[in-house]
PDB file of N, CA and C in Angstrom:
ATOM      1  N   MET A   1      39.757  24.116 -15.892  1.00  0.00           N
ATOM      2  CA  MET A   1      39.557  24.964 -14.708  1.00  0.00           C
ATOM      3  C   MET A   1      37.918  24.903 -14.977  1.00  0.00           C
ATOM      4  N   ILE A   2      37.899  24.140 -13.466  1.00  0.00           N
ATOM      5  CA  ILE A   2      35.745  23.634 -13.555  1.00  0.00           C
ATOM      6  C   ILE A   2      35.458  25.774 -12.368  1.00  0.00           C
ATOM      7  N   HIS A   3      34.682  26.166 -13.009  1.00  0.00           N
ATOM      8  CA  HIS A   3      34.086  26.939 -12.638  1.00  0.00           C
ATOM      9  C   HIS A   3      32.831  26.894 -10.860  1.00  0.00           C
ATOM     10  N   ARG A   4      33.157  28.350 -10.967  1.00  0.00           N
ATOM     11  CA  ARG A   4      31.696  28.661  -9.561  1.00  0.00           C
ATOM     12  C   ARG A   4      30.832  27.663  -9.877  1.00  0.00           C
ATOM     13  N   SER A   5      29.891  27.906 -10.660  1.00  0.00           N
ATOM     14  CA  SER A   5      28.886  28.007 -10.401  1.00  0.00           C
ATOM     15  C   SER A   5      28.551  26.256 -10.241  1.00  0.00           C
ATOM     16  N   LYS A   6      29.668  25.346 -11.253  1.00  0.00           N
ATOM     17  CA  LYS A   6      29.846  23.937 -11.770  1.00  0.00           C
ATOM     18  C   LYS A   6      30.197  23.289 -10.255  1.00  0.00           C
ATOM     19  N   LEU A   7      31.294  24.744  -9.592  1.00  0.00           N
ATOM     20  CA  LEU A   7      31.304  23.684  -8.104  1.00  0.00           C
ATOM     21  C   LEU A   7      30.253  24.087  -6.924  1.00  0.00           C
ATOM     22  N   THR A   8      29.709  24.742  -7.019  1.00  0.00           N
ATOM     23  CA  THR A   8      28.395  24.448  -6.502  1.00  0.00           C
ATOM     24  C   THR A   8      28.120  24.175  -7.362  1.00  0.00           C
ATOM     25  N   ILE A   9      26.588  23.121  -7.709  1.00  0.00           N
ATOM     26  CA  ILE A   9      26.533  22.366  -8.307  1.00  0.00           C
ATOM     27  C   ILE A   9      26.847  21.206  -8.081  1.00  0.00           C
ATOM     28  N   ILE A  10      27.560  20.572  -7.913  1.00  0.00           N
ATOM     29  CA  ILE A  10      28.268  20.067  -7.795  1.00  0.00           C
ATOM     30  C   ILE A  10      28.340  19.166  -6.581  1.00  0.00           C
ATOM     31  N   ALA A  11      28.825  20.196  -5.911  1.00  0.00           N
ATOM     32  CA  ALA A  11      27.996  20.786  -3.909  1.00  0.00           C
ATOM     33  C   ALA A  11      26.884  20.475  -2.866  1.00  0.00           C
ATOM     34  N   LEU A  12      26.142  21.222  -4.133  1.00  0.00           N
ATOM     35  CA  LEU A  12      25.410  21.172  -3.693  1.00  0.00           C
ATOM     36  C   LEU A  12      23.848  19.248  -3.786  1.00  0.00           C
ATOM     37  N   VAL A  13      24.597  19.045  -5.682  1.00  0.00           N
ATOM     38  CA  VAL A  13      24.226  17.477  -5.579  1.00  0.00           C
ATOM     39  C   VAL A  13      24.357  16.310  -4.459  1.00  0.00           C
ATOM     40  N   ALA A  14      25.286  17.088  -4.406  1.00  0.00           N
ATOM     41  CA  ALA A  14      26.321  16.206  -3.311  1.00  0.00           C
ATOM     42  C   ALA A  14      25.557  16.000  -1.372  1.00  0.00           C
ATOM     43  N   TRP A  15      25.336  17.503  -1.216  1.00  0.00           N
ATOM     44  CA  TRP A  15      24.869  17.651   0.076  1.00  0.00           C
ATOM     45  C   TRP A  15      23.586  16.976  -0.038  1.00  0.00           C
ATOM     46  N   SER A  16      22.805  17.097  -1.312  1.00  0.00           N
ATOM     47  CA  SER A  16      21.088  16.784  -1.130  1.00  0.00           C
ATOM     48  C   SER A  16      20.928  15.215  -1.237  1.00  0.00           C
ATOM     49  N   ALA A  17      22.147  14.114  -1.901  1.00  0.00           N
ATOM     50  CA  ALA A  17      22.088  12.619  -1.827  1.00  0.00           C
ATOM     51  C   ALA A  17      22.776  11.771   0.286  1.00  0.00           C
ATOM     52  N   ALA A  18      23.434  12.970   0.925  1.00  0.00           N
ATOM     53  CA  ALA A  18      23.103  12.971   1.423  1.00  0.00           C
ATOM     54  C   ALA A  18      22.364  12.945   2.893  1.00  0.00           C
ATOM     55  N   GLN A  19      21.444  13.756   2.211  1.00  0.00           N
ATOM     56  CA  GLN A  19      20.082  14.354   2.907  1.00  0.00           C
ATOM     57  C   GLN A  19      18.971  12.831   3.353  1.00  0.00           C
ATOM     58  N   PRO A  20      18.364  12.221   4.441  1.00  0.00           N
ATOM     59  CA  PRO A  20      17.801  10.908   4.708  1.00  0.00           C
ATOM     60  C   PRO A  20      16.903  11.463   3.166  1.00  0.00           C
ATOM     61  N   ALA A  21      15.952  10.476   3.177  1.00  0.00           N
ATOM     62  CA  ALA A  21      14.640  10.842   2.305  1.00  0.00           C
ATOM     63  C   ALA A  21      13.939  11.842   3.543  1.00  0.00           C
ATOM     64  N   LEU A  22      12.354  11.581   3.248  1.00  0.00           N
ATOM     65  CA  LEU A  22      11.626  12.590   3.836  1.00  0.00           C
ATOM     66  C   LEU A  22      11.197  10.635   4.113  1.00  0.00           C
ATOM     67  N   ALA A  23      10.605  10.450   5.615  1.00  0.00           N
ATOM     68  CA  ALA A  23       9.603   9.306   5.651  1.00  0.00           C
ATOM     69  C   ALA A  23       8.517   9.805   6.121  1.00  0.00           C
ATOM     70  N   ALA A  24       7.823   8.538   5.218  1.00  0.00           N
ATOM     71  CA  ALA A  24       6.993   9.049   5.038  1.00  0.00           C
ATOM     72  C   ALA A  24       5.670   8.921   6.419  1.00  0.00           C
ATOM     73  N   ASP A  25       4.591   9.675   6.350  1.00  0.00           N
ATOM     74  CA  ASP A  25       3.494   9.877   7.259  1.00  0.00           C
ATOM     75  C   ASP A  25       3.413   8.972   7.899  1.00  0.00           C
ATOM     76  N   GLU A  26       3.242   8.600   8.542  1.00  0.00           N
ATOM     77  CA  GLU A  26       2.097   6.717   8.812  1.00  0.00           C
ATOM     78  C   GLU A  26       0.826   7.144   9.606  1.00  0.00           C
ATOM     79  N   ALA A  27       0.105   7.849  10.474  1.00  0.00           N
ATOM     80  CA  ALA A  27      -0.191   9.070  11.094  1.00  0.00           C
ATOM     81  C   ALA A  27      -1.745   9.300   9.554  1.00  0.00           C
ATOM     82  N   GLN A  28      -0.550  10.203   8.417  1.00  0.00           N
ATOM     83  CA  GLN A  28      -1.676  10.356   7.780  1.00  0.00           C
ATOM     84  C   GLN A  28      -1.725   9.835   7.077  1.00  0.00           C
ATOM     85  N   MET A  29      -0.618   9.245   6.572  1.00  0.00           N
ATOM     86  CA  MET A  29      -1.628   7.596   5.677  1.00  0.00           C
ATOM     87  C   MET A  29      -2.955   6.597   6.431  1.00  0.00           C
ATOM     88  N   MET A  30      -2.609   6.809   7.548  1.00  0.00           N
ATOM     89  CA  MET A  30      -4.095   6.527   7.940  1.00  0.00           C
ATOM     90  C   MET A  30      -4.382   6.924   8.490  1.00  0.00           C
ATOM     91  N   ALA A  31      -4.985   8.384   8.615  1.00  0.00           N
ATOM     92  CA  ALA A  31      -5.987   9.476   8.096  1.00  0.00           C
ATOM     93  C   ALA A  31      -6.802   9.454   6.358  1.00  0.00           C
ATOM     94  N   THR A  32      -5.686   8.700   5.895  1.00  0.00           N
ATOM     95  CA  THR A  32      -6.561   8.971   4.173  1.00  0.00           C
ATOM     96  C   THR A  32      -6.721   7.727   3.953  1.00  0.00           C
ATOM     97  N   CYS A  33      -6.251   6.412   4.706  1.00  0.00           N
ATOM     98  CA  CYS A  33      -7.138   4.786   4.396  1.00  0.00           C
ATOM     99  C   CYS A  33      -8.412   5.078   4.969  1.00  0.00           C
ATOM    100  N   ASN A  34      -8.217   5.975   6.214  1.00  0.00           N
ATOM    101  CA  ASN A  34     -10.025   5.601   6.400  1.00  0.00           C
ATOM    102  C   ASN A  34     -10.803   6.793   5.466  1.00  0.00           C
ATOM    103  N   THR A  35     -10.686   7.479   5.563  1.00  0.00           N
ATOM    104  CA  THR A  35     -11.645   8.196   4.405  1.00  0.00           C
ATOM    105  C   THR A  35     -11.940   7.847   3.563  1.00  0.00           C
ATOM    106  N   TYR A  36     -10.937   7.001   2.662  1.00  0.00           N
ATOM    107  CA  TYR A  36     -10.930   6.529   1.429  1.00  0.00           C
ATOM    108  C   TYR A  36     -11.878   5.262   1.657  1.00  0.00           C
ATOM    109  N   ALA A  37     -11.172   3.947   2.793  1.00  0.00           N
ATOM    110  CA  ALA A  37     -12.067   2.916   3.048  1.00  0.00           C
ATOM    111  C   ALA A  37     -13.822   3.650   3.182  1.00  0.00           C
ATOM    112  N   ALA A  38     -13.893   4.542   3.853  1.00  0.00           N
ATOM    113  CA  ALA A  38     -15.009   4.583   4.383  1.00  0.00           C
ATOM    114  C   ALA A  38     -15.663   4.980   2.748  1.00  0.00           C
ATOM    115  N   ARG A  39     -15.358   5.877   1.930  1.00  0.00           N
ATOM    116  CA  ARG A  39     -16.045   6.344   0.438  1.00  0.00           C
ATOM    117  C   ARG A  39     -15.928   5.221  -0.613  1.00  0.00           C
ATOM    118  N   HIS A  40     -14.980   4.212  -0.725  1.00  0.00           N
ATOM    119  CA  HIS A  40     -15.658   2.612  -0.904  1.00  0.00           C
ATOM    120  C   HIS A  40     -16.357   2.236  -0.988  1.00  0.00           C
ATOM    121  N   LEU A  41     -16.164   2.294   0.388  1.00  0.00           N
ATOM    122  CA  LEU A  41     -17.068   0.953   1.407  1.00  0.00           C
ATOM    123  C   LEU A  41     -17.951   1.124   0.959  1.00  0.00           C
ATOM    124  N   GLY A  42     -18.509   2.789   1.170  1.00  0.00           N
ATOM    125  CA  GLY A  42     -19.748   2.944   1.263  1.00  0.00           C
ATOM    126  C   GLY A  42     -20.876   2.979   3.026  1.00  0.00           C
ATOM    127  N   VAL A  43     -19.621   3.031   3.372  1.00  0.00           N
ATOM    128  CA  VAL A  43     -20.633   3.607   4.753  1.00  0.00           C
ATOM    129  C   VAL A  43     -19.700   5.054   5.596  1.00  0.00           C
ATOM    130  N   SER A  44     -19.670   4.985   6.807  1.00  0.00           N
ATOM    131  CA  SER A  44     -19.027   6.298   7.705  1.00  0.00           C
ATOM    132  C   SER A  44     -17.755   6.595   8.594  1.00  0.00           C
ATOM    133  N   THR A  45     -17.021   6.868   8.110  1.00  0.00           N
ATOM    134  CA  THR A  45     -15.719   6.865   8.811  1.00  0.00           C
ATOM    135  C   THR A  45     -15.777   7.142   9.938  1.00  0.00           C
ATOM    136  N   SER A  46     -16.577   6.885  10.950  1.00  0.00           N
ATOM    137  CA  SER A  46     -16.703   6.043  12.321  1.00  0.00           C
ATOM    138  C   SER A  46     -16.990   4.384  11.597  1.00  0.00           C
ATOM    139  N   ASP A  47     -17.016   3.951  10.739  1.00  0.00           N
ATOM    140  CA  ASP A  47     -17.370   3.091  10.770  1.00  0.00           C
ATOM    141  C   ASP A  47     -16.941   1.677  10.430  1.00  0.00           C
ATOM    142  N   ILE A  48     -15.103   2.784  10.111  1.00  0.00           N
ATOM    143  CA  ILE A  48     -13.810   2.038  10.169  1.00  0.00           C
ATOM    144  C   ILE A  48     -13.691   2.171  11.483  1.00  0.00           C
ATOM    145  N   VAL A  49     -13.022   0.645  11.891  1.00  0.00           N
ATOM    146  CA  VAL A  49     -13.202   0.103  13.344  1.00  0.00           C
ATOM    147  C   VAL A  49     -11.932  -0.288  13.956  1.00  0.00           C
ATOM    148  N   ALA A  50     -10.557  -0.092  12.555  1.00  0.00           N
ATOM    149  CA  ALA A  50      -9.756  -0.441  13.458  1.00  0.00           C
ATOM    150  C   ALA A  50      -8.075  -0.678  11.503  1.00  0.00           C
ATOM    151  N   LEU A  51      -7.853   0.148  12.423  1.00  0.00           N
ATOM    152  CA  LEU A  51      -6.517   0.892  11.053  1.00  0.00           C
ATOM    153  C   LEU A  51      -4.732   0.219  11.921  1.00  0.00           C
ATOM    154  N   LYS A  52      -4.245  -0.224  10.353  1.00  0.00           N
ATOM    155  CA  LYS A  52      -2.907  -0.018  11.517  1.00  0.00           C
ATOM    156  C   LYS A  52      -2.036  -0.555  10.372  1.00  0.00           C
ATOM    157  N   TYR A  53      -1.408   0.137  10.356  1.00  0.00           N
ATOM    158  CA  TYR A  53       0.338   0.919   9.324  1.00  0.00           C
ATOM    159  C   TYR A  53       0.591  -0.743   9.671  1.00  0.00           C
ATOM    160  N   GLN A  54       1.303  -1.220   8.739  1.00  0.00           N
ATOM    161  CA  GLN A  54       1.607  -2.129   8.292  1.00  0.00           C
ATOM    162  C   GLN A  54       3.440  -2.491   8.123  1.00  0.00           C
ATOM    163  N   GLY A  55       3.697  -1.247   7.420  1.00  0.00           N
ATOM    164  CA  GLY A  55       5.396  -0.933   7.386  1.00  0.00           C
ATOM    165  C   GLY A  55       5.009  -0.843   5.702  1.00  0.00           C
ATOM    166  N   GLN A  56       6.431  -0.603   5.277  1.00  0.00           N
ATOM    167  CA  GLN A  56       7.272  -0.629   4.243  1.00  0.00           C
ATOM    168  C   GLN A  56       7.793  -1.349   3.499  1.00  0.00           C
ATOM    169  N   ARG A  57       7.252  -2.221   3.054  1.00  0.00           N
ATOM    170  CA  ARG A  57       7.713  -3.248   1.176  1.00  0.00           C
ATOM    171  C   ARG A  57       8.599  -2.680   0.611  1.00  0.00           C
ATOM    172  N   VAL A  58       8.619  -4.424   0.564  1.00  0.00           N
ATOM    173  CA  VAL A  58      10.612  -4.546  -0.101  1.00  0.00           C
ATOM    174  C   VAL A  58      10.807  -3.550  -1.330  1.00  0.00           C
ATOM    175  N   ASP A  59       9.545  -3.342  -2.129  1.00  0.00           N
ATOM    176  CA  ASP A  59       8.878  -2.322  -3.732  1.00  0.00           C
ATOM    177  C   ASP A  59       9.480  -1.292  -2.882  1.00  0.00           C
ATOM    178  N   GLY A  60       9.193   0.243  -1.867  1.00  0.00           N
ATOM    179  CA  GLY A  60       9.420   0.755  -1.502  1.00  0.00           C
ATOM    180  C   GLY A  60       7.863   1.250  -0.814  1.00  0.00           C
ATOM    181  N   THR A  61       6.434   0.221  -1.458  1.00  0.00           N
ATOM    182  CA  THR A  61       5.332   0.835  -0.960  1.00  0.00           C
ATOM    183  C   THR A  61       4.388  -0.026  -0.046  1.00  0.00           C
ATOM    184  N   HIS A  62       3.589   1.401   0.908  1.00  0.00           N
ATOM    185  CA  HIS A  62       3.686   1.081   2.357  1.00  0.00           C
ATOM    186  C   HIS A  62       1.865   1.118   2.160  1.00  0.00           C
ATOM    187  N   ALA A  63       1.705  -0.196   3.888  1.00  0.00           N
ATOM    188  CA  ALA A  63       0.487  -0.719   3.653  1.00  0.00           C
ATOM    189  C   ALA A  63       0.079  -0.444   4.440  1.00  0.00           C
ATOM    190  N   VAL A  64      -1.487   0.022   4.787  1.00  0.00           N
ATOM    191  CA  VAL A  64      -1.947  -0.026   5.701  1.00  0.00           C
ATOM    192  C   VAL A  64      -3.362  -1.101   6.043  1.00  0.00           C
ATOM    193  N   ASN A  65      -3.419  -1.948   6.591  1.00  0.00           N
ATOM    194  CA  ASN A  65      -4.771  -2.584   6.896  1.00  0.00           C
ATOM    195  C   ASN A  65      -5.715  -1.905   7.874  1.00  0.00           C
ATOM    196  N   GLY A  66      -6.716  -2.795   7.816  1.00  0.00           N
ATOM    197  CA  GLY A  66      -8.366  -2.254   8.491  1.00  0.00           C
ATOM    198  C   GLY A  66      -9.369  -2.299   9.303  1.00  0.00           C
ATOM    199  N   SER A  67     -10.174  -2.977   9.031  1.00  0.00           N
ATOM    200  CA  SER A  67     -11.768  -2.981   8.727  1.00  0.00           C
ATOM    201  C   SER A  67     -12.939  -2.374   8.994  1.00  0.00           C
ATOM    202  N   ALA A  68     -14.344  -2.703   8.600  1.00  0.00           N
ATOM    203  CA  ALA A  68     -14.971  -2.098   9.371  1.00  0.00           C
ATOM    204  C   ALA A  68     -15.908  -2.289   9.747  1.00  0.00           C
ATOM    205  N   ALA A  69     -17.475  -1.864  10.871  1.00  0.00           N
ATOM    206  CA  ALA A  69     -18.036  -2.408  11.578  1.00  0.00           C
ATOM    207  C   ALA A  69     -18.908  -3.243  11.383  1.00  0.00           C
ATOM    208  N   ASN A  70     -19.426  -3.377   9.264  1.00  0.00           N
ATOM    209  CA  ASN A  70     -19.800  -4.014   8.633  1.00  0.00           C
ATOM    210  C   ASN A  70     -19.313  -5.933   8.731  1.00  0.00           C
ATOM    211  N   GLY A  71     -17.958  -6.231   9.167  1.00  0.00           N
ATOM    212  CA  GLY A  71     -16.868  -7.660   8.906  1.00  0.00           C
ATOM    213  C   GLY A  71     -16.078  -7.154   8.302  1.00  0.00           C
ATOM    214  N   GLN A  72     -15.743  -6.364   7.174  1.00  0.00           N
ATOM    215  CA  GLN A  72     -14.952  -5.897   5.852  1.00  0.00           C
ATOM    216  C   GLN A  72     -14.094  -5.707   6.077  1.00  0.00           C
ATOM    217  N   THR A  73     -12.490  -6.307   5.867  1.00  0.00           N
ATOM    218  CA  THR A  73     -12.085  -5.762   5.589  1.00  0.00           C
ATOM    219  C   THR A  73     -10.790  -5.272   4.708  1.00  0.00           C
ATOM    220  N   PHE A  74      -9.974  -4.751   4.359  1.00  0.00           N
ATOM    221  CA  PHE A  74      -9.236  -4.109   3.275  1.00  0.00           C
ATOM    222  C   PHE A  74      -7.739  -3.745   4.238  1.00  0.00           C
ATOM    223  N   GLN A  75      -8.157  -3.200   2.610  1.00  0.00           N
ATOM    224  CA  GLN A  75      -5.980  -2.828   2.825  1.00  0.00           C
ATOM    225  C   GLN A  75      -5.244  -1.591   1.905  1.00  0.00           C
ATOM    226  N   CYS A  76      -5.125  -0.252   2.034  1.00  0.00           N
ATOM    227  CA  CYS A  76      -4.905   0.632   1.214  1.00  0.00           C
ATOM    228  C   CYS A  76      -3.223   0.347   1.111  1.00  0.00           C
ATOM    229  N   SER A  77      -2.627   0.534  -0.144  1.00  0.00           N
ATOM    230  CA  SER A  77      -1.264   0.117  -0.217  1.00  0.00           C
ATOM    231  C   SER A  77      -0.606   1.652  -1.127  1.00  0.00           C
ATOM    232  N   PHE A  78       0.704   2.339  -0.005  1.00  0.00           N
ATOM    233  CA  PHE A  78       0.711   3.809  -0.511  1.00  0.00           C
ATOM    234  C   PHE A  78       1.928   4.111  -1.484  1.00  0.00           C
ATOM    235  N   ASN A  79       2.355   4.333  -2.022  1.00  0.00           N
ATOM    236  CA  ASN A  79       3.243   4.293  -2.526  1.00  0.00           C
ATOM    237  C   ASN A  79       4.899   5.647  -2.259  1.00  0.00           C
ATOM    238  N   ARG A  80       5.562   4.793  -2.740  1.00  0.00           N
ATOM    239  CA  ARG A  80       6.485   5.205  -1.615  1.00  0.00           C
ATOM    240  C   ARG A  80       6.705   5.946  -0.752  1.00  0.00           C
ATOM    241  N   SER A  81       6.235   7.193  -1.283  1.00  0.00           N
ATOM    242  CA  SER A  81       6.520   9.049  -0.669  1.00  0.00           C
ATOM    243  C   SER A  81       5.201   8.524   0.724  1.00  0.00           C
ATOM    244  N   GLY A  82       4.541   7.505   0.451  1.00  0.00           N
ATOM    245  CA  GLY A  82       3.541   7.290   1.148  1.00  0.00           C
ATOM    246  C   GLY A  82       2.386   8.906   0.558  1.00  0.00           C
ATOM    247  N   THR A  83       2.109   9.769  -0.230  1.00  0.00           N
ATOM    248  CA  THR A  83       1.734  10.393  -0.164  1.00  0.00           C
ATOM    249  C   THR A  83       0.053   9.821  -0.871  1.00  0.00           C
ATOM    250  N   HIS A  84      -0.111   8.980  -2.129  1.00  0.00           N
ATOM    251  CA  HIS A  84      -1.190   8.551  -2.259  1.00  0.00           C
ATOM    252  C   HIS A  84      -1.581   6.913  -1.891  1.00  0.00           C
ATOM    253  N   VAL A  85      -2.607   6.488  -2.814  1.00  0.00           N
ATOM    254  CA  VAL A  85      -3.698   5.173  -2.417  1.00  0.00           C
ATOM    255  C   VAL A  85      -3.183   4.997  -3.527  1.00  0.00           C
ATOM    256  N   VAL A  86      -1.754   4.045  -3.705  1.00  0.00           N
ATOM    257  CA  VAL A  86      -1.978   3.578  -5.240  1.00  0.00           C
ATOM    258  C   VAL A  86      -2.400   1.679  -6.109  1.00  0.00           C
ATOM    259  N   ARG A  87      -3.074   1.549  -4.816  1.00  0.00           N
ATOM    260  CA  ARG A  87      -3.948  -0.021  -4.881  1.00  0.00           C
ATOM    261  C   ARG A  87      -3.927  -0.247  -3.777  1.00  0.00           C
ATOM    262  N   TRP A  88      -5.573  -0.053  -4.286  1.00  0.00           N
ATOM    263  CA  TRP A  88      -7.362  -0.890  -3.111  1.00  0.00           C
ATOM    264  C   TRP A  88      -7.377  -1.740  -3.024  1.00  0.00           C
ATOM    265  N   THR A  89      -8.383  -3.110  -1.909  1.00  0.00           N
ATOM    266  CA  THR A  89      -8.542  -4.340  -1.386  1.00  0.00           C
ATOM    267  C   THR A  89      -9.113  -3.916  -0.393  1.00  0.00           C
ATOM    268  N   HIS A  90     -10.043  -5.434  -0.858  1.00  0.00           N
ATOM    269  CA  HIS A  90     -11.038  -5.288   0.316  1.00  0.00           C
ATOM    270  C   HIS A  90     -11.506  -7.081   0.023  1.00  0.00           C
ATOM    271  N   SER A  91     -12.614  -6.855   0.930  1.00  0.00           N
ATOM    272  CA  SER A  91     -13.115  -7.906   1.716  1.00  0.00           C
ATOM    273  C   SER A  91     -14.879  -8.504   0.748  1.00  0.00           C
ATOM    274  N   ALA A  92     -15.510  -9.074   0.004  1.00  0.00           N
ATOM    275  CA  ALA A  92     -16.923  -8.574   0.433  1.00  0.00           C
ATOM    276  C   ALA A  92     -17.695  -9.116   1.806  1.00  0.00           C
ATOM    277  N   PRO A  93     -18.672  -7.911   1.500  1.00  0.00           N
ATOM    278  CA  PRO A  93     -19.459  -7.185   3.056  1.00  0.00           C
ATOM    279  C   PRO A  93     -20.209  -8.859   2.832  1.00  0.00           C
ATOM    280  N   GLU A  94     -20.364  -9.339   4.391  1.00  0.00           N
ATOM    281  CA  GLU A  94     -20.993 -10.671   4.688  1.00  0.00           C
ATOM    282  C   GLU A  94     -22.809  -9.569   4.885  1.00  0.00           C
ATOM    283  N   GLY A  95     -23.184 -10.540   5.071  1.00  0.00           N
ATOM    284  CA  GLY A  95     -24.667 -10.607   5.218  1.00  0.00           C
ATOM    285  C   GLY A  95     -25.787 -10.195   3.928  1.00  0.00           C
ATOM    286  N   CYS A  96     -25.939 -10.071   3.634  1.00  0.00           N
ATOM    287  CA  CYS A  96     -27.296  -9.902   2.610  1.00  0.00           C
ATOM    288  C   CYS A  96     -28.580  -9.100   2.771  1.00  0.00           C
ATOM    289  N   PRO A  97     -27.794  -7.141   2.754  1.00  0.00           N
ATOM    290  CA  PRO A  97     -29.114  -6.217   3.597  1.00  0.00           C
ATOM    291  C   PRO A  97     -30.568  -6.371   2.676  1.00  0.00           C
ATOM    292  N   ALA A  98     -31.633  -6.083   3.330  1.00  0.00           N
ATOM    293  CA  ALA A  98     -32.708  -6.264   3.008  1.00  0.00           C
ATOM    294  C   ALA A  98     -32.291  -5.665   2.075  1.00  0.00           C
ATOM    295  N   ASP A  99     -32.086  -4.320   1.812  1.00  0.00           N
ATOM    296  CA  ASP A  99     -33.030  -3.616   0.819  1.00  0.00           C
ATOM    297  C   ASP A  99     -31.671  -3.093   0.384  1.00  0.00           C
ATOM    298  N   VAL A 100     -30.757  -4.425  -0.130  1.00  0.00           N
ATOM    299  CA  VAL A 100     -30.064  -4.410  -1.304  1.00  0.00           C
ATOM    300  C   VAL A 100     -30.578  -4.723  -3.289  1.00  0.00           C
ATOM    301  N   SER A 101     -30.556  -4.720  -4.111  1.00  0.00           N
ATOM    302  CA  SER A 101     -31.320  -4.679  -5.552  1.00  0.00           C
ATOM    303  C   SER A 101     -30.169  -6.078  -5.782  1.00  0.00           C
ATOM    304  N   GLU A 102     -31.648  -6.348  -6.911  1.00  0.00           N
ATOM    305  CA  GLU A 102     -31.058  -6.692  -7.974  1.00  0.00           C
ATOM    306  C   GLU A 102     -29.391  -7.043  -8.510  1.00  0.00           C
ATOM    307  N   ALA A 103     -29.623  -5.921  -8.892  1.00  0.00           N
ATOM    308  CA  ALA A 103     -28.486  -5.042  -9.749  1.00  0.00           C
ATOM    309  C   ALA A 103     -27.292  -5.540  -8.935  1.00  0.00           C
ATOM    310  N   ASN A 104     -27.682  -4.986  -7.758  1.00  0.00           N
ATOM    311  CA  ASN A 104     -25.988  -5.447  -6.523  1.00  0.00           C
ATOM    312  C   ASN A 104     -25.914  -6.212  -6.148  1.00  0.00           C
ATOM    313  N   ARG A 105     -27.252  -7.488  -5.973  1.00  0.00           N
ATOM    314  CA  ARG A 105     -26.627  -8.955  -5.055  1.00  0.00           C
ATOM    315  C   ARG A 105     -25.581  -9.343  -5.728  1.00  0.00           C
ATOM    316  N   TYR A 106     -24.593  -9.041  -7.104  1.00  0.00           N
ATOM    317  CA  TYR A 106     -23.210  -9.735  -7.015  1.00  0.00           C
ATOM    318  C   TYR A 106     -22.685  -9.476  -5.457  1.00  0.00           C
ATOM    319  N   LEU A 107     -22.016  -8.330  -5.045  1.00  0.00           N
ATOM    320  CA  LEU A 107     -21.365  -7.963  -4.345  1.00  0.00           C
ATOM    321  C   LEU A 107     -21.707  -8.124  -3.238  1.00  0.00           C
ATOM    322  N   TYR A 108     -23.221  -8.742  -2.236  1.00  0.00           N
ATOM    323  CA  TYR A 108     -23.977  -9.720  -1.291  1.00  0.00           C
ATOM    324  C   TYR A 108     -23.414 -11.063  -1.410  1.00  0.00           C
ATOM    325  N   PRO A 109     -22.313 -11.996  -1.988  1.00  0.00           N
ATOM    326  CA  PRO A 109     -21.664 -13.089  -1.689  1.00  0.00           C
ATOM    327  C   PRO A 109     -23.233 -14.077  -0.771  1.00  0.00           C
ATOM    328  N   ASP A 110     -23.500 -13.148   0.269  1.00  0.00           N
ATOM    329  CA  ASP A 110     -23.968 -14.042   0.852  1.00  0.00           C
ATOM    330  C   ASP A 110     -25.944 -13.731   0.637  1.00  0.00           C
ATOM    331  N   CYS A 111     -26.317 -13.318  -0.942  1.00  0.00           N
ATOM    332  CA  CYS A 111     -27.650 -13.030  -0.439  1.00  0.00           C
ATOM    333  C   CYS A 111     -28.006 -15.087  -1.367  1.00  0.00           C
ATOM    334  N   GLU A 112     -27.476 -15.199  -1.856  1.00  0.00           N
ATOM    335  CA  GLU A 112     -27.503 -16.259  -3.110  1.00  0.00           C
ATOM    336  C   GLU A 112     -28.537 -16.947  -2.017  1.00  0.00           C
TER     337      GLU A 112
END
């Protein structure tokens, strides 16, 4: 004979399995990526000129692509739930800033 508490647990597990997974919030991912990109590119958030949610990949991660006013492009990859950036990629900056130090010239391919 099954105890009442076991029936409750079984019913709860069955109910939770039937519920749809919480969808990742595209707007929140884009806002997070905007802030993340600005910080990692050393620009202000207003210098991020384009952001686009690219969708969920086969592995469950989410992609947000964007570009900055300085011409750099980037991608934020989010975890399955869309709450954390798990991978960051960006292009090399374009041009050679006048104030770039010798130690940082490697960051700017156009400084050669």
